[in-house]
Amino acid sequence: MKNVSAALAGLVFGIGLILSGMTDPAKVQGFLDLAGNWDPSLAFVMGGAVMVGLVGFGLGGRRERALLGDPMRTPTATAIDRRLVLGGLAFGAGWGLAGFCPGPALASLATGGPQAWIFSGAMLAGMLVFACLERHAAPGSTSLDTGSAARPDGSRSAKTLP
């Protein structure tokens, strides 16, 4: 049931990205180009996403278990550190230059356009480099993790709500 629910949620999310224009790099770059021919229409998409997120996190924060039975988990990191700032800058630069972020890029793979395939390949390569760097970080180090403790097997813990 969990896999079916995940697939349906992903399908709805992907369709929403396509219908909203988030999979069109030119539209995204037009939204990000404040000094040029700015297209504010994606601000409504983002505003809607923020509202849904606020409601979802507000309700989820009060639950001990998810609807399908797994424990609710939230990130434990609260500090704005160098790693977070550099990651945000890299994400923003990639989004502005390519017009894609991960979700819309994966949804765009369905259209078969070369831009989505190139971006997704570069994104996977970046994820591989990050995984290699994280694997070689000292055990217990928080230099590359999300503020959670490293386990002996290299995985990271997440805070589970009581």
Protein backbone atom coordinates (compact mmCIF):
# COMPACT_ATOMS: atom_id res chain seq x y z
CA MET A 1 0.00 0.00 0.00
CA LYS A 2 2.87 2.38 0.79
CA ASN A 3 4.35 1.99 -2.70
CA VAL A 4 0.97 2.59 -4.34
CA SER A 5 0.44 5.69 -2.19
CA ALA A 6 3.93 6.98 -3.02
CA ALA A 7 3.37 6.38 -6.73
CA LEU A 8 0.02 8.19 -6.68
CA ALA A 9 1.46 11.13 -4.73
CA GLY A 10 4.36 11.35 -7.18
CA LEU A 11 1.99 11.22 -10.14
CA VAL A 12 -0.20 13.99 -8.75
CA PHE A 13 2.89 16.07 -7.93
CA GLY A 14 4.36 15.55 -11.42
CA ILE A 15 1.10 16.47 -13.14
CA GLY A 16 0.89 19.58 -10.95
CA LEU A 17 4.41 20.58 -11.96
CA ILE A 18 3.59 20.15 -15.64
CA LEU A 19 0.26 22.02 -15.45
CA SER A 20 1.79 24.89 -13.45
CA GLY A 21 4.59 25.49 -15.95
CA MET A 22 7.38 24.53 -13.53
CA THR A 23 8.74 22.08 -16.12
CA ASP A 24 9.28 24.85 -18.69
CA PRO A 25 12.83 26.20 -18.17
CA ALA A 26 12.03 29.41 -20.08
CA LYS A 27 9.07 30.15 -17.79
CA VAL A 28 11.15 29.46 -14.67
CA GLN A 29 14.00 31.64 -15.90
CA GLY A 30 11.48 34.37 -16.74
CA PHE A 31 10.26 34.20 -13.16
CA LEU A 32 13.81 34.41 -11.80
CA ASP A 33 14.80 37.31 -14.10
CA LEU A 34 13.74 40.23 -11.90
CA ALA A 35 15.79 42.75 -13.87
CA GLY A 36 14.53 41.70 -17.29
CA ASN A 37 11.19 40.54 -18.64
CA TRP A 38 9.88 39.25 -15.30
CA ASP A 39 7.04 36.71 -15.33
CA PRO A 40 5.41 36.67 -11.85
CA SER A 41 2.97 33.82 -12.59
CA LEU A 42 5.04 31.16 -10.80
CA ALA A 43 4.80 33.17 -7.58
CA PHE A 44 1.20 31.93 -7.30
CA VAL A 45 2.38 28.34 -7.75
CA MET A 46 5.00 28.80 -5.04
CA GLY A 47 2.55 30.57 -2.76
CA GLY A 48 0.14 27.66 -3.09
CA ALA A 49 2.94 25.20 -2.35
CA VAL A 50 3.95 27.15 0.75
CA MET A 51 0.36 27.17 2.02
CA VAL A 52 -0.01 23.41 1.47
CA GLY A 53 3.34 22.87 3.21
CA LEU A 54 2.36 25.00 6.19
CA VAL A 55 -0.86 23.05 6.64
CA GLY A 56 0.88 19.70 6.10
CA PHE A 57 3.71 20.38 8.53
CA GLY A 58 1.29 21.90 11.04
CA LEU A 59 -0.89 18.80 11.02
CA GLY A 60 2.02 16.38 10.74
CA GLY A 61 3.81 17.92 13.70
CA ARG A 62 0.90 16.94 15.93
CA ARG A 63 0.86 13.30 14.86
CA GLU A 64 2.93 10.45 16.22
CA ARG A 65 2.47 8.32 13.12
CA ALA A 66 1.92 8.96 9.43
CA LEU A 67 -1.37 7.93 7.83
CA LEU A 68 0.17 4.65 6.67
CA GLY A 69 1.66 3.82 10.09
CA ASP A 70 5.32 4.88 9.93
CA PRO A 71 6.65 7.12 12.71
CA MET A 72 6.66 10.82 11.89
CA ARG A 73 10.19 12.14 11.41
CA THR A 74 11.39 15.72 11.25
CA PRO A 75 14.85 17.15 10.57
CA THR A 76 16.96 17.79 13.65
CA ALA A 77 19.17 20.53 12.23
CA THR A 78 18.18 24.06 13.23
CA ALA A 79 21.34 26.08 12.57
CA ILE A 80 22.00 28.11 9.45
CA ASP A 81 25.56 27.00 8.80
CA ARG A 82 28.10 27.22 5.99
CA ARG A 83 26.94 23.94 4.48
CA LEU A 84 23.30 25.07 4.30
CA VAL A 85 24.22 28.44 2.74
CA LEU A 86 26.56 26.88 0.15
CA GLY A 87 23.95 24.25 -0.70
CA GLY A 88 21.28 26.90 -1.13
CA LEU A 89 23.58 28.96 -3.36
CA ALA A 90 24.42 25.91 -5.50
CA PHE A 91 20.74 25.00 -5.79
CA GLY A 92 19.75 28.55 -6.72
CA ALA A 93 22.56 28.91 -9.26
CA GLY A 94 21.63 25.61 -10.90
CA TRP A 95 17.95 26.53 -10.95
CA GLY A 96 18.64 29.94 -12.44
CA LEU A 97 21.10 28.71 -15.07
CA ALA A 98 19.23 25.58 -16.16
CA GLY A 99 15.64 26.55 -15.34
CA PHE A 100 15.16 23.20 -13.58
CA CYS A 101 15.16 22.01 -10.01
CA PRO A 102 15.00 18.27 -9.18
CA GLY A 103 11.23 17.68 -9.17
CA PRO A 104 10.41 19.47 -12.41
CA ALA A 105 13.49 17.97 -14.08
CA LEU A 106 12.32 14.44 -13.29
CA ALA A 107 8.77 15.28 -14.41
CA SER A 108 10.23 16.69 -17.64
CA LEU A 109 11.95 13.39 -18.44
CA ALA A 110 8.53 12.17 -19.61
CA THR A 111 8.62 14.69 -22.46
CA GLY A 112 11.97 13.37 -23.68
CA GLY A 113 13.58 16.80 -24.06
CA PRO A 114 17.39 16.80 -24.01
CA GLN A 115 17.62 19.61 -21.42
CA ALA A 116 15.85 17.52 -18.80
CA TRP A 117 18.05 14.50 -19.50
CA ILE A 118 21.26 16.53 -19.32
CA PHE A 119 20.19 18.28 -16.11
CA SER A 120 19.06 15.02 -14.50
CA GLY A 121 22.36 13.35 -15.43
CA ALA A 122 24.32 16.25 -13.94
CA MET A 123 22.11 16.15 -10.83
CA LEU A 124 22.75 12.41 -10.37
CA ALA A 125 26.50 12.98 -10.83
CA GLY A 126 26.38 15.68 -8.15
CA MET A 127 24.52 13.34 -5.82
CA LEU A 128 27.17 10.67 -6.41
CA VAL A 129 29.99 13.12 -5.62
CA PHE A 130 28.17 14.18 -2.44
CA ALA A 131 27.65 10.56 -1.38
CA CYS A 132 31.37 9.84 -1.90
CA LEU A 133 32.38 12.91 0.11
CA GLU A 134 29.95 12.02 2.89
CA ARG A 135 31.17 8.43 3.01
CA HIS A 136 34.75 9.62 3.49
CA ALA A 137 33.84 12.13 6.21
CA ALA A 138 34.96 11.14 9.70
CA PRO A 139 32.39 9.08 11.66
CA GLY A 140 30.28 11.36 13.84
CA SER A 141 31.24 14.41 11.77
CA THR A 142 28.48 16.88 10.97
CA SER A 143 30.45 18.62 8.22
CA LEU A 144 28.38 17.00 5.49
CA ASP A 145 25.30 15.70 7.29
CA THR A 146 22.01 17.36 8.14
CA GLY A 147 22.81 17.91 11.78
CA SER A 148 22.01 14.36 12.77
CA ALA A 149 24.47 11.86 14.17
CA ALA A 150 26.29 9.38 11.95
CA ARG A 151 25.60 5.73 12.62
CA PRO A 152 28.38 3.11 12.37
CA ASP A 153 26.98 1.95 9.01
CA GLY A 154 27.32 5.49 7.61
CA SER A 155 23.59 6.24 7.57
CA ARG A 156 22.17 9.27 9.37
CA SER A 157 19.56 9.40 12.09
CA ALA A 158 16.47 11.56 11.98
CA LYS A 159 14.47 12.92 14.88
CA THR A 160 11.35 10.88 15.49
CA LEU A 161 8.47 12.75 17.04
CA PRO A 162 7.25 11.25 20.35
